Structures are given as C-alpha cells and as structure tokens.
Amino acid sequence: MTIYLTWFHERFRVLPADASEDTVHIYARSYIMMLLSTQLFGDKNGNRVRLQWLPYMAKLDELENYSWGSTALA
C-alpha cells in the first residue's frame, strides 16, 4: 500500500512555530519515512511513499538496531 508523496508534502511541509515535542516527533518520523521510501528504497515512479516503513517509524528508538547498510545494498 502506498500514499502519494504530494499528500506528505501538503501535510508535513512546514513545522508549526508553536509545535509541541510530540508534534516535532511526528514530523521527524514522517520525514524519515519519506526519505526511506523515496531516496533509499524508491520505486520506479518516485511519487509514492510505501507504508511498509510505517511500523519502523512507530519504533523509532529501535531503528538504530537494524542493519540499514546491508539492506540498502541488497
């Protein structure tokens, strides 16, 4: 399942000036999810964000335990 990249840009483009810490975490997770889905593991269209990365964003504190170098090379 995918979401169009334009939705992400419309929703998470600018962080509100009065953002709480939770809001900052949400924006950071969405940015990382966009990077994973477009830059590292992009599809041939490059206009969609794959939701397969969503579970990893929920456990962002554990993200450093994964071997991302070997995953990107594969």
Protein backbone atom coordinates (compact mmCIF):
# COMPACT_ATOMS: atom_id res chain seq x y z
CA MET A 1 0.00 0.00 0.00
CA THR A 2 1.25 3.48 -0.82
CA ILE A 3 0.45 7.13 -0.25
CA TYR A 4 1.16 9.81 -2.80
CA LEU A 5 4.15 11.99 -1.98
CA THR A 6 2.09 15.12 -2.57
CA TRP A 7 -0.03 14.25 0.48
CA PHE A 8 3.10 14.12 2.62
CA HIS A 9 4.29 17.45 1.26
CA GLU A 10 0.93 19.10 1.91
CA ARG A 11 0.62 17.68 5.41
CA PHE A 12 4.18 17.82 6.75
CA ARG A 13 5.87 20.54 4.72
CA VAL A 14 6.20 23.22 7.43
CA LEU A 15 6.51 22.54 11.12
CA PRO A 16 4.25 24.89 13.11
CA ALA A 17 6.11 27.52 15.14
CA ASP A 18 4.31 26.52 18.34
CA ALA A 19 4.80 22.78 17.83
CA SER A 20 4.90 20.57 20.89
CA GLU A 21 7.55 17.91 21.34
CA ASP A 22 5.10 15.23 20.19
CA THR A 23 4.39 17.18 17.00
CA VAL A 24 8.10 17.52 16.30
CA HIS A 25 8.46 13.74 16.67
CA ILE A 26 5.59 13.16 14.23
CA TYR A 27 7.13 15.49 11.65
CA ALA A 28 10.55 13.89 12.08
CA ARG A 29 9.09 10.40 11.63
CA SER A 30 7.22 11.44 8.51
CA TYR A 31 10.39 13.00 7.05
CA ILE A 32 12.40 9.84 7.75
CA MET A 33 9.63 7.73 6.22
CA MET A 34 9.70 9.89 3.09
CA LEU A 35 13.48 9.53 2.88
CA LEU A 36 13.32 5.76 3.23
CA SER A 37 10.60 5.44 0.65
CA THR A 38 11.95 7.90 -1.94
CA GLN A 39 15.71 8.19 -1.60
CA LEU A 40 16.84 4.82 -0.26
CA PHE A 41 14.19 2.40 -1.44
CA GLY A 42 12.31 4.32 -4.13
CA ASP A 43 10.01 2.80 -6.69
CA LYS A 44 10.26 3.45 -10.40
CA ASN A 45 7.72 6.27 -10.30
CA GLY A 46 9.22 8.09 -7.33
CA ASN A 47 5.90 9.70 -6.45
CA ARG A 48 4.66 7.40 -3.70
CA VAL A 49 5.55 6.64 -0.12
CA ARG A 50 5.31 2.98 0.75
CA LEU A 51 3.55 2.22 4.01
CA GLN A 52 5.77 -0.78 4.67
CA TRP A 53 8.08 1.59 6.61
CA LEU A 54 5.33 2.69 8.99
CA PRO A 55 5.99 0.01 11.65
CA TYR A 56 9.65 1.06 11.77
CA MET A 57 8.66 4.66 12.37
CA ALA A 58 6.47 3.60 15.29
CA LYS A 59 9.56 2.08 16.91
CA LEU A 60 11.96 4.90 16.04
CA ASP A 61 14.01 4.35 19.20
CA GLU A 62 14.88 0.83 17.98
CA LEU A 63 15.74 1.98 14.45
CA GLU A 64 19.48 2.07 15.13
CA ASN A 65 19.48 -1.68 15.84
CA TYR A 66 18.74 -2.53 12.19
CA SER A 67 21.45 -3.11 9.61
CA TRP A 68 20.47 -0.40 7.12
CA GLY A 69 23.73 -0.52 5.15
CA SER A 70 23.30 -4.11 4.08
CA THR A 71 19.61 -3.52 3.44
CA ALA A 72 20.31 -0.60 1.12
CA LEU A 73 22.94 -2.59 -0.77
CA ALA A 74 20.55 -5.50 -1.28
